[in-house]
Each structure stands twice: as C-alpha cells, then as structure tokens.
Protein backbone atom coordinates (compact mmCIF):
# COMPACT_ATOMS: atom_id res chain seq x y z
CA MET A 1 -7.87 57.51 171.07
CA ASP A 2 -8.72 54.94 168.39
CA TYR A 3 -6.14 55.91 165.76
CA VAL A 4 -7.19 53.13 163.40
CA ARG A 5 -10.73 54.53 163.30
CA TYR A 6 -9.40 58.09 162.98
CA VAL A 7 -7.24 57.13 159.99
CA ALA A 8 -10.14 55.22 158.43
CA ASP A 9 -12.42 58.24 158.72
CA THR A 10 -9.74 60.57 157.38
CA GLY A 11 -9.11 58.22 154.48
CA LEU A 12 -12.82 57.93 153.69
CA ALA A 13 -13.06 61.72 153.39
CA ALA A 14 -9.87 61.77 151.31
CA ARG A 15 -11.22 59.10 148.94
CA ALA A 16 -14.34 61.16 148.27
CA ALA A 17 -12.23 64.29 147.75
CA ALA A 18 -9.85 62.41 145.43
CA ARG A 19 -12.71 61.51 143.11
CA ALA A 20 -13.68 65.17 142.87
CA MET A 21 -10.08 66.27 142.37
CA ALA A 22 -9.53 63.71 139.60
CA SER A 23 -12.30 65.32 137.56
CA ALA A 24 -11.47 68.94 138.44
CA SER A 25 -10.43 71.17 135.57
CA THR A 26 -6.94 72.61 135.31
CA GLN A 27 -8.51 76.07 135.67
CA LEU A 28 -10.09 75.18 139.02
CA LYS A 29 -6.93 73.57 140.37
CA ASN A 30 -4.84 76.57 139.35
CA ALA A 31 -7.36 78.92 140.96
CA ALA A 32 -7.08 76.99 144.22
CA LEU A 33 -3.29 77.21 144.14
CA LEU A 34 -3.20 80.93 143.40
CA ALA A 35 -5.75 81.60 146.14
CA ALA A 36 -3.68 79.49 148.56
CA ALA A 37 -0.53 81.44 147.65
CA ASP A 38 -2.37 84.72 148.26
CA ALA A 39 -3.54 83.40 151.63
CA LEU A 40 0.02 82.40 152.58
CA GLU A 41 1.20 85.91 151.68
CA ALA A 42 -1.61 87.51 153.66
CA GLU A 43 -0.83 85.34 156.70
CA ARG A 44 2.95 85.66 156.42
CA ALA A 45 3.38 87.37 159.79
CA GLN A 46 1.14 84.86 161.58
CA ILE A 47 2.93 81.89 160.01
CA LEU A 48 6.35 83.26 160.95
CA ALA A 49 5.12 83.85 164.50
CA ALA A 50 3.86 80.26 164.71
CA ASN A 51 7.21 79.07 163.37
CA ARG A 52 9.14 81.06 165.97
CA LEU A 53 7.15 79.23 168.64
CA ASP A 54 8.04 75.88 167.07
CA VAL A 55 11.74 76.83 166.85
CA GLN A 56 11.77 77.99 170.48
CA ARG A 57 10.27 74.68 171.62
CA ALA A 58 12.73 72.73 169.46
CA ARG A 59 15.68 74.51 171.06
CA GLU A 60 14.24 73.89 174.51
CA ARG A 61 14.07 70.20 173.60
CA ALA A 62 17.73 70.39 172.49
CA LEU A 63 17.01 69.09 168.99
CA GLU A 64 20.01 68.73 166.68
CA PRO A 65 21.07 71.96 164.93
CA ALA A 66 20.38 70.41 161.51
CA LEU A 67 16.78 69.70 162.51
CA VAL A 68 16.33 73.21 163.87
CA ASP A 69 17.71 74.62 160.61
CA ARG A 70 15.19 72.56 158.62
CA LEU A 71 12.40 73.73 160.91
CA ALA A 72 13.12 77.44 160.80
CA LEU A 73 11.32 79.79 158.43
CA ASP A 74 12.42 83.32 157.60
CA ASP A 75 11.21 85.84 155.04
CA ALA A 76 13.37 84.33 152.29
CA ARG A 77 12.20 80.75 152.92
CA MET A 78 8.63 81.95 153.27
CA SER A 79 8.85 83.74 149.93
CA ALA A 80 10.33 80.64 148.31
CA MET A 81 7.47 78.55 149.66
CA ILE A 82 4.85 80.98 148.30
CA ASP A 83 6.64 81.21 144.96
CA GLY A 84 6.71 77.42 144.81
CA VAL A 85 2.94 77.20 145.21
CA ARG A 86 2.43 79.84 142.53
CA GLN A 87 4.87 78.11 140.18
CA VAL A 88 2.99 74.81 140.47
CA GLY A 89 -0.08 76.75 139.32
CA THR A 90 1.74 77.70 136.12
CA LEU A 91 3.02 74.21 135.29
CA PRO A 92 1.40 72.04 132.61
CA ASP A 93 -1.28 69.74 134.01
CA PRO A 94 -0.24 66.12 133.42
CA VAL A 95 -3.71 64.70 134.15
CA GLY A 96 -5.52 63.50 131.05
CA THR A 97 -2.46 63.67 128.80
CA VAL A 98 -2.52 60.83 126.26
CA THR A 99 0.82 59.61 124.89
CA ASP A 100 2.07 56.90 122.54
CA LEU A 101 -1.27 56.73 120.71
CA ALA A 102 -0.80 54.39 117.77
CA TYR A 103 -2.89 52.32 115.37
CA ARG A 104 -2.82 48.56 115.68
CA PRO A 105 -3.43 46.15 112.77
CA SER A 106 -7.01 45.68 113.99
CA GLY A 107 -7.71 49.37 113.41
CA ILE A 108 -7.94 50.27 117.10
CA ARG A 109 -5.76 53.04 118.51
CA VAL A 110 -3.92 52.26 121.75
CA GLY A 111 -2.24 54.78 124.04
CA ARG A 112 -1.65 55.68 127.66
CA MET A 113 -3.35 58.39 129.72
CA ARG A 114 -1.92 60.05 132.83
CA VAL A 115 -4.25 59.81 135.82
CA PRO A 116 -3.98 60.77 139.51
CA ILE A 117 -2.78 58.10 141.93
CA GLY A 118 -5.63 58.86 144.36
CA VAL A 119 -4.78 59.51 148.02
CA ILE A 120 -1.18 60.35 148.92
CA GLY A 121 0.07 60.09 152.50
CA ILE A 122 3.01 62.36 153.38
CA ILE A 123 4.89 61.71 156.63
CA TYR A 124 7.58 64.28 157.30
CA GLU A 125 9.75 65.88 159.95
CA SER A 126 10.78 69.44 160.64
CA ARG A 127 10.43 71.28 157.32
CA PRO A 128 7.09 73.14 157.44
CA ASN A 129 7.44 74.14 153.78
CA VAL A 130 6.64 70.50 152.95
CA THR A 131 3.05 71.21 154.02
CA ALA A 132 2.66 73.76 151.22
CA ASP A 133 4.86 71.97 148.68
CA ALA A 134 3.13 68.61 149.06
CA ALA A 135 -0.36 70.06 149.08
CA ALA A 136 0.31 72.17 145.98
CA LEU A 137 1.64 69.25 143.97
CA CYS A 138 -1.18 66.96 145.06
CA ILE A 139 -3.81 69.56 144.17
CA LYS A 140 -2.33 70.17 140.70
CA SER A 141 -1.97 66.44 139.99
CA GLY A 142 -5.59 65.80 140.97
CA ASN A 143 -4.88 63.83 144.14
CA ALA A 144 -6.01 64.15 147.73
CA VAL A 145 -3.32 64.24 150.41
CA ILE A 146 -3.13 63.34 154.09
CA LEU A 147 -0.27 65.21 155.78
CA ARG A 148 1.34 64.08 159.01
CA GLY A 149 4.10 66.48 160.03
CA GLY A 150 6.35 66.20 163.04
CA SER A 151 5.37 67.42 166.47
CA GLU A 152 8.23 69.96 166.34
CA ALA A 153 6.48 71.86 163.49
CA ILE A 154 2.85 71.53 164.57
CA GLU A 155 2.11 75.26 164.95
CA SER A 156 3.69 76.14 161.59
CA ASN A 157 1.93 73.27 159.83
CA ARG A 158 -1.48 74.24 161.19
CA ALA A 159 -1.06 77.83 160.04
CA ILE A 160 0.10 76.81 156.57
CA ALA A 161 -2.57 74.12 156.13
CA ALA A 162 -5.28 76.64 156.98
CA CYS A 163 -4.15 78.75 154.00
CA LEU A 164 -4.31 75.73 151.69
CA ALA A 165 -7.84 74.99 152.90
CA ARG A 166 -8.80 78.59 152.19
CA GLY A 167 -7.53 78.28 148.63
CA LEU A 168 -9.52 75.09 147.99
CA ASP A 169 -12.65 76.65 149.43
CA GLN A 170 -12.34 79.76 147.26
CA ALA A 171 -12.03 77.59 144.15
CA GLY A 172 -15.02 75.44 145.10
CA LEU A 173 -12.95 72.28 145.57
CA PRO A 174 -13.34 69.89 148.54
CA GLY A 175 -11.41 70.89 151.64
CA ALA A 176 -10.77 67.23 152.43
CA ALA A 177 -8.40 67.15 149.45
CA VAL A 178 -5.77 68.47 151.91
CA GLN A 179 -6.00 67.11 155.45
CA LEU A 180 -3.44 67.73 158.19
CA ILE A 181 -3.31 65.20 161.00
CA ALA A 182 -3.01 67.40 164.04
CA HIS A 183 -2.28 64.54 166.46
CA THR A 184 1.41 64.12 167.26
CA ASP A 185 1.33 60.62 168.77
CA ARG A 186 3.62 58.29 166.81
CA GLU A 187 1.02 55.52 166.89
CA ILE A 188 -0.93 57.38 164.25
CA VAL A 189 1.95 56.88 161.80
CA SER A 190 1.70 53.11 162.23
CA ALA A 191 -2.05 53.29 161.63
CA LEU A 192 -1.61 55.41 158.50
CA VAL A 193 1.11 53.33 156.80
CA SER A 194 -0.80 50.10 157.43
CA SER A 195 -4.10 51.35 155.95
CA PRO A 196 -4.31 50.63 152.21
CA GLN A 197 -8.00 51.48 152.39
CA ALA A 198 -7.03 55.04 153.39
CA VAL A 199 -4.00 55.81 151.19
CA ASP A 200 -2.57 54.58 147.88
CA VAL A 201 1.07 55.52 148.46
CA ILE A 202 3.16 56.85 151.34
CA ILE A 203 5.98 59.37 150.90
CA PRO A 204 8.18 59.79 154.01
CA ARG A 205 10.43 62.83 154.31
CA GLY A 206 12.79 63.05 157.24
CA GLY A 207 15.61 61.28 158.98
CA LYS A 208 16.82 57.78 158.24
CA GLY A 209 15.08 56.40 161.32
CA LEU A 210 11.67 57.66 160.22
CA ILE A 211 12.09 56.37 156.67
CA GLU A 212 13.32 52.96 157.79
CA ARG A 213 10.39 52.63 160.19
CA VAL A 214 7.84 53.65 157.56
CA SER A 215 9.36 51.29 154.99
CA ARG A 216 9.37 48.41 157.47
CA ASP A 217 5.80 48.85 158.69
CA ALA A 218 4.06 49.99 155.51
CA ARG A 219 1.40 47.87 153.82
CA VAL A 220 1.14 50.35 150.95
CA PRO A 221 3.82 51.36 148.39
CA VAL A 222 6.47 53.79 149.63
CA ILE A 223 8.38 56.40 147.57
CA LYS A 224 11.56 57.16 149.50
CA HIS A 225 15.27 57.69 149.88
CA LEU A 226 17.17 56.67 153.00
CA ASP A 227 20.41 58.64 152.80
CA GLY A 228 21.92 61.54 150.92
CA VAL A 229 25.58 60.51 150.80
CA CYS A 230 26.45 62.75 147.85
CA HIS A 231 29.87 62.95 146.21
CA VAL A 232 31.78 65.47 144.12
CA TYR A 233 34.65 63.98 142.10
CA ILE A 234 37.30 66.39 140.82
CA ASP A 235 38.83 64.91 137.69
CA ALA A 236 42.39 65.44 136.48
CA SER A 237 41.10 67.77 133.74
CA ALA A 238 38.92 69.91 136.02
CA ASP A 239 39.00 73.67 135.77
CA ALA A 240 40.53 74.76 139.08
CA ALA A 241 38.21 77.72 139.68
CA GLN A 242 35.14 75.62 138.83
CA ALA A 243 36.29 72.82 141.11
CA GLU A 244 36.74 75.14 144.09
CA ALA A 245 33.44 76.95 143.56
CA ILE A 246 31.45 73.74 143.09
CA ALA A 247 33.00 71.99 146.10
CA LEU A 248 32.42 74.99 148.35
CA ASN A 249 28.81 75.44 147.24
CA ALA A 250 27.98 71.73 147.37
CA LYS A 251 29.09 71.56 151.00
CA THR A 252 28.41 74.97 152.54
CA HIS A 253 25.29 76.28 150.75
CA ARG A 254 23.19 74.44 153.34
CA TYR A 255 24.41 71.71 155.65
CA GLY A 256 21.12 70.06 156.58
CA THR A 257 19.88 68.97 153.14
CA CYS A 258 19.95 65.58 151.46
CA ASN A 259 21.71 66.92 148.34
CA THR A 260 24.64 68.42 150.25
CA MET A 261 28.05 66.94 149.41
CA GLU A 262 29.30 64.62 152.15
CA THR A 263 32.43 63.23 150.43
CA LEU A 264 34.91 64.99 148.15
CA LEU A 265 36.97 62.80 145.82
CA VAL A 266 40.04 64.28 144.11
CA ASP A 267 42.11 62.73 141.34
CA GLU A 268 45.64 62.05 142.55
CA ALA A 269 47.03 63.72 139.40
CA VAL A 270 45.80 67.16 140.52
CA ALA A 271 45.47 66.70 144.27
CA ALA A 272 48.74 68.41 145.17
CA GLY A 273 47.82 71.52 143.21
CA LEU A 274 44.06 71.70 143.92
CA LEU A 275 43.27 70.05 147.22
CA PRO A 276 45.12 72.45 149.58
CA ARG A 277 43.39 75.39 147.88
CA ILE A 278 39.93 73.84 148.12
CA ALA A 279 40.58 72.65 151.68
CA ALA A 280 41.59 76.16 152.74
CA SER A 281 38.29 77.57 151.45
CA LEU A 282 36.28 74.85 153.21
CA ILE A 283 38.16 75.27 156.49
CA ALA A 284 37.70 79.05 156.29
CA ALA A 285 33.95 78.40 155.99
CA GLY A 286 34.06 76.36 159.21
CA VAL A 287 34.07 72.85 157.73
CA GLU A 288 35.86 70.05 159.57
CA LEU A 289 37.75 67.79 157.16
CA ARG A 290 38.28 64.06 157.66
CA GLY A 291 40.69 62.63 155.15
CA CYS A 292 42.55 59.59 153.92
CA GLN A 293 46.34 59.36 154.38
CA ARG A 294 47.07 61.06 151.05
CA THR A 295 44.64 63.86 151.92
CA ARG A 296 46.26 64.42 155.31
CA ALA A 297 49.71 64.59 153.72
CA LEU A 298 48.47 67.55 151.66
CA VAL A 299 46.10 69.04 154.26
CA PRO A 300 47.58 68.60 157.77
CA GLN A 301 44.48 70.14 159.38
CA ALA A 302 42.36 67.18 158.26
CA LEU A 303 41.51 64.57 160.87
CA PRO A 304 41.95 60.88 160.05
CA ALA A 305 38.92 59.44 158.25
CA THR A 306 37.51 56.13 159.43
CA GLU A 307 35.61 53.56 157.36
CA GLU A 308 32.38 54.92 158.86
CA ASP A 309 33.14 58.39 157.50
CA TRP A 310 32.80 57.18 153.90
CA TYR A 311 29.23 56.04 154.65
CA ALA A 312 28.28 59.11 156.69
CA GLU A 313 25.51 61.57 155.93
CA TYR A 314 26.73 64.26 158.30
CA LEU A 315 24.10 66.97 157.69
CA ALA A 316 26.69 69.16 159.41
CA PRO A 317 29.87 71.14 158.61
CA ILE A 318 31.93 67.95 158.32
CA LEU A 319 33.34 66.57 155.07
CA ALA A 320 35.10 63.33 154.19
CA VAL A 321 37.91 63.75 151.63
CA ARG A 322 39.67 61.06 149.63
CA VAL A 323 42.41 61.18 147.00
CA VAL A 324 41.68 58.56 144.32
CA ASP A 325 43.55 57.11 141.36
CA GLY A 326 41.36 58.38 138.55
CA ILE A 327 37.75 58.06 137.47
CA ASP A 328 37.51 54.28 137.86
CA ALA A 329 38.54 54.50 141.52
CA ALA A 330 36.14 57.40 142.04
CA MET A 331 33.19 55.48 140.57
CA GLU A 332 34.15 52.39 142.54
CA HIS A 333 34.10 54.46 145.75
CA ILE A 334 30.69 55.93 144.87
CA ALA A 335 29.27 52.48 144.07
CA ARG A 336 30.48 51.10 147.39
CA TYR A 337 29.70 53.95 149.76
CA GLY A 338 27.11 56.09 148.01
CA SER A 339 23.34 56.15 148.50
CA GLN A 340 22.31 56.55 144.83
CA HIS A 341 21.10 60.07 145.54
CA THR A 342 23.24 62.71 143.75
CA ASP A 343 26.82 62.53 142.55
CA ALA A 344 28.82 65.05 140.52
CA ILE A 345 31.98 65.17 138.40
CA VAL A 346 34.02 68.29 137.67
CA THR A 347 35.86 67.75 134.40
CA GLN A 348 36.77 69.27 131.05
CA HIS A 349 37.16 65.79 129.52
CA HIS A 350 34.02 64.96 127.50
CA ALA A 351 34.53 61.19 127.36
CA ARG A 352 35.03 60.92 131.11
CA ALA A 353 31.97 63.09 131.73
CA MET A 354 29.88 60.78 129.55
CA ARG A 355 31.24 57.70 131.33
CA PHE A 356 30.34 59.22 134.68
CA LEU A 357 26.80 59.96 133.46
CA ARG A 358 26.33 56.43 132.14
CA GLU A 359 28.01 54.41 134.86
CA VAL A 360 27.19 56.16 138.14
CA ASP A 361 23.90 54.60 139.26
CA SER A 362 22.34 57.50 141.13
CA SER A 363 18.99 59.23 140.81
CA SER A 364 20.78 62.45 139.78
CA VAL A 365 24.19 62.55 138.09
CA VAL A 366 25.75 65.98 137.55
CA VAL A 367 28.55 67.32 135.35
CA ASN A 368 30.28 70.58 136.28
CA ALA A 369 27.63 71.83 138.71
CA SER A 370 26.84 71.63 142.42
CA THR A 371 24.91 68.71 143.91
CA ARG A 372 22.67 71.34 145.52
CA PHE A 373 20.78 71.69 142.23
CA ALA A 374 19.18 68.27 142.76
CA ASP A 375 15.70 69.37 143.75
CA GLY A 376 12.38 69.78 142.03
CA PHE A 377 12.33 73.58 141.93
CA GLU A 378 15.75 73.76 140.24
CA TYR A 379 14.77 70.98 137.81
CA GLY A 380 11.68 72.91 136.72
CA LEU A 381 9.26 70.47 138.34
CA GLY A 382 7.87 73.05 140.76
CA ALA A 383 8.04 72.40 144.48
CA GLU A 384 9.07 68.76 144.83
CA ILE A 385 7.29 66.32 147.09
CA GLY A 386 10.43 64.35 147.80
CA ILE A 387 13.38 62.58 146.22
CA SER A 388 13.28 58.90 145.34
CA THR A 389 16.29 56.64 145.01
CA ASP A 390 14.05 53.70 144.11
CA LYS A 391 14.08 52.49 140.50
CA PHE A 392 10.38 51.90 139.99
CA HIS A 393 7.65 54.45 139.25
CA ALA A 394 9.51 57.60 140.25
CA ARG A 395 13.24 58.32 140.59
CA GLY A 396 15.00 61.51 141.65
CA PRO A 397 12.98 64.62 142.54
CA VAL A 398 9.28 63.72 142.49
CA GLY A 399 7.10 66.38 140.91
CA LEU A 400 3.72 66.34 139.22
CA GLU A 401 4.39 63.43 136.88
CA GLY A 402 5.65 61.32 139.78
CA LEU A 403 2.27 61.76 141.47
CA THR A 404 0.39 60.30 138.53
CA SER A 405 0.01 56.83 137.15
CA GLN A 406 -0.92 55.69 133.66
CA LYS A 407 -3.77 53.67 132.28
CA TRP A 408 -4.16 52.17 128.84
CA VAL A 409 -6.81 53.73 126.63
CA VAL A 410 -8.23 52.10 123.51
CA LEU A 411 -10.12 54.03 120.80
CA GLY A 412 -12.12 52.03 118.33
CA GLU A 413 -14.81 52.36 115.68
CA GLY A 414 -16.79 49.22 116.32
CA GLN A 415 -13.97 46.69 116.02
CA VAL A 416 -14.44 43.23 117.51
CA ARG A 417 -11.68 40.70 118.00
CA ALA A 418 -11.61 37.86 115.49
C-alpha cells in the first residue's frame, strides 16, 4: 500500500474539514459532542465487547501488564470517557476570544485572537479512551484530527470513532473532522509525522520508544513528554497522616499512568518516625521498595536501589525511596533525575512550599496533594489530549487552549501610518 498517498489523501480531507470546523459555531460544536456522548452511551455494550476482544488478543501476545491495564475498559472507565466528552461540551469555547486589546498612540487597537491550529495528528498506544478524548477536544477547539491508535486497541478504537462520526453527522459538521487510520502497519506513522502538508502538529501518547521515534522522525512540531518520573518529597514539617495518604495514593491509585509517583523522598529529620509507617502501607498494598542505605536501615524489606532506579519510570508496583538532607537535597535530586512532569511536596512550612513551587522546574508542581491529580480532567480542562513537558506553546496537561494558536488583530478607523 502507498502510505504516503494514503496520508496525503487523509490530510487533504482533514484540511477541508478544518476550514469548516474553524468557522463552526460553539452551538454546533457542542451539539456534535453531546450527540457523540449519547452515541457512546447507546453503544456501551458493543464498545465493551470490542474492548474485551482487544484485551484478549493483548494477553495472547503477552503484552506487559501495564499496557493491558491501559487498554482495558470497564463500566467505570467507560462512564468517565462519556462524561469527559460531555464536559468538553460545557467548557467555554476559546476560539475567537480576543485578549489584550489596547489602544496604540496611532489610534489603532491591537489585540490577540485565539484560533484553531488546523489539523492535529494524534499517535497513541493502548488507551482507547484517547480516541474519544482527543476527538472531543479537537472538535470543541475547531480543529480536525487524524487519529492513529495502536494495533492492540483497533477494535475498541473503531467502535468509539464510529460514535464520534455519528455525533458530527447529527450536528451537520464534516465527518472528516475526525478520521481514524484503521491500518496498523508502523510505516504509516512515518508517513504521517513527515507530512507537514497533512498535519500541523503531532501529539504522541504512549511509551518512551514511540515518543522518541516520533520526535526523531517528525517534520512537523511535536507536543510531547518522554517520561513520567514523578516525585513526592516529605518535608520535615509534613503532617504524618497527610504524608502517608498522599504517598499511598500517588503510587497505588494506578500503576500504569505517567503521573504516578516513582520516587519517594523523605527528609532525614522525620524519616525514622515516618518512613517505616509509610513503607508498611506501601508493602501491604503490594509495592516493592528499592531504597538507599539510610532507607534500608529503617525498612529492612527494601531492596538496594541502583543508580538506574532513580531514573526509572516503572509503571509497576515498584518504588524507589531515598532519605535526603532537607529540601535543597530533595530539589537537587529532582533536578538530576526527574523528567519535568509532576513533582509534589508534603509540608506545613509555607516558605518551603513556596520555594518548591518556584524552584522545581516541572510542568506540574504540587503542594500537599497527590501527583495523580496532574491531568486535564482534574485541572478543569476537560478530557486532556496529552501532557507536555516542553516549554513552548503548551506545558502540562493540554486542553482546549493548548490546541489553539493566536493571531494578532488590529482594529482601526481609517488610520494610515505616517
């Protein structure tokens, strides 16, 4: 098959749809989203059946448990996906918003207007909810989207995409605004990321290997994060009950997510009193601990941590633990080993909390809460399209505003430049 031609044709249809979406009213876009959510609800049983087939095939292929967990849908995850689509329909529409409008000495008024990016390419693995999340955000932000999910989720993705197409059709919007590439050959990814005539930006969601490959081969801008090496630092002033609850939730709420804690840092001043208690709760939950020498002196069950453990994104019930000499040592560790994704401090000391917020250079920095809150839904953005650790355009969870650009607008009354 000529994948270059296929991508070109898909992109041509997406470009035409993007022009229509850019001029679509908020009312029409919301109608499409609500109709799509209704279709997902109506097809719940069929989507779950398709997903069971995908999960069965994944297990037969002996995929890693973390990937299977990301792939699997149940009633709760299905409901969250439907609620996410509906929530996007209730969010303010950023398109057309004019900000910073100000008079200049010439009498003209200058401001900036939010506009859609155009055609978004999403390349993702496992999670079938991305099909609905990405499509919903692209519809609301006035973009067209080309979706290329992994082969392991093909049946789920087809069933979900059909519901999105039904919603667009019912609202009178172009079906090509959401296109799912049904071909699973990896060559099509290379064709897509090297086709600036087809897409304006690529957003990869998946394992480090996929994101590195997309970033290496892309000829269009990429919004991405490579790793989720997230830390929780327990300060000397931390409330003990808060520290235990946050550490347990940050690690065990879900193992296979990018905002799961992978390293626990504990101030030496409170380690003897707090760490054995927190370690006992983690071990009881089935977490394997890998610790530094000071950790192992307090928690004999911990295995020795290697240098590689401090860099590791386990996506599994494994946790690296280090006892540190205060906040400076904690922030130094995060700067050296972290991935600029999400890092948290547990403290009752206001000045240290403010230092942590200012000095930790991550896309999300958290005080006295779990790292698991670092996603678009919890931040009020609606269903996120991804998380960016880049520093340009979009950073952190990428919602509607991250899928728009800005253009300068000038309002005059006949002025000419002298």
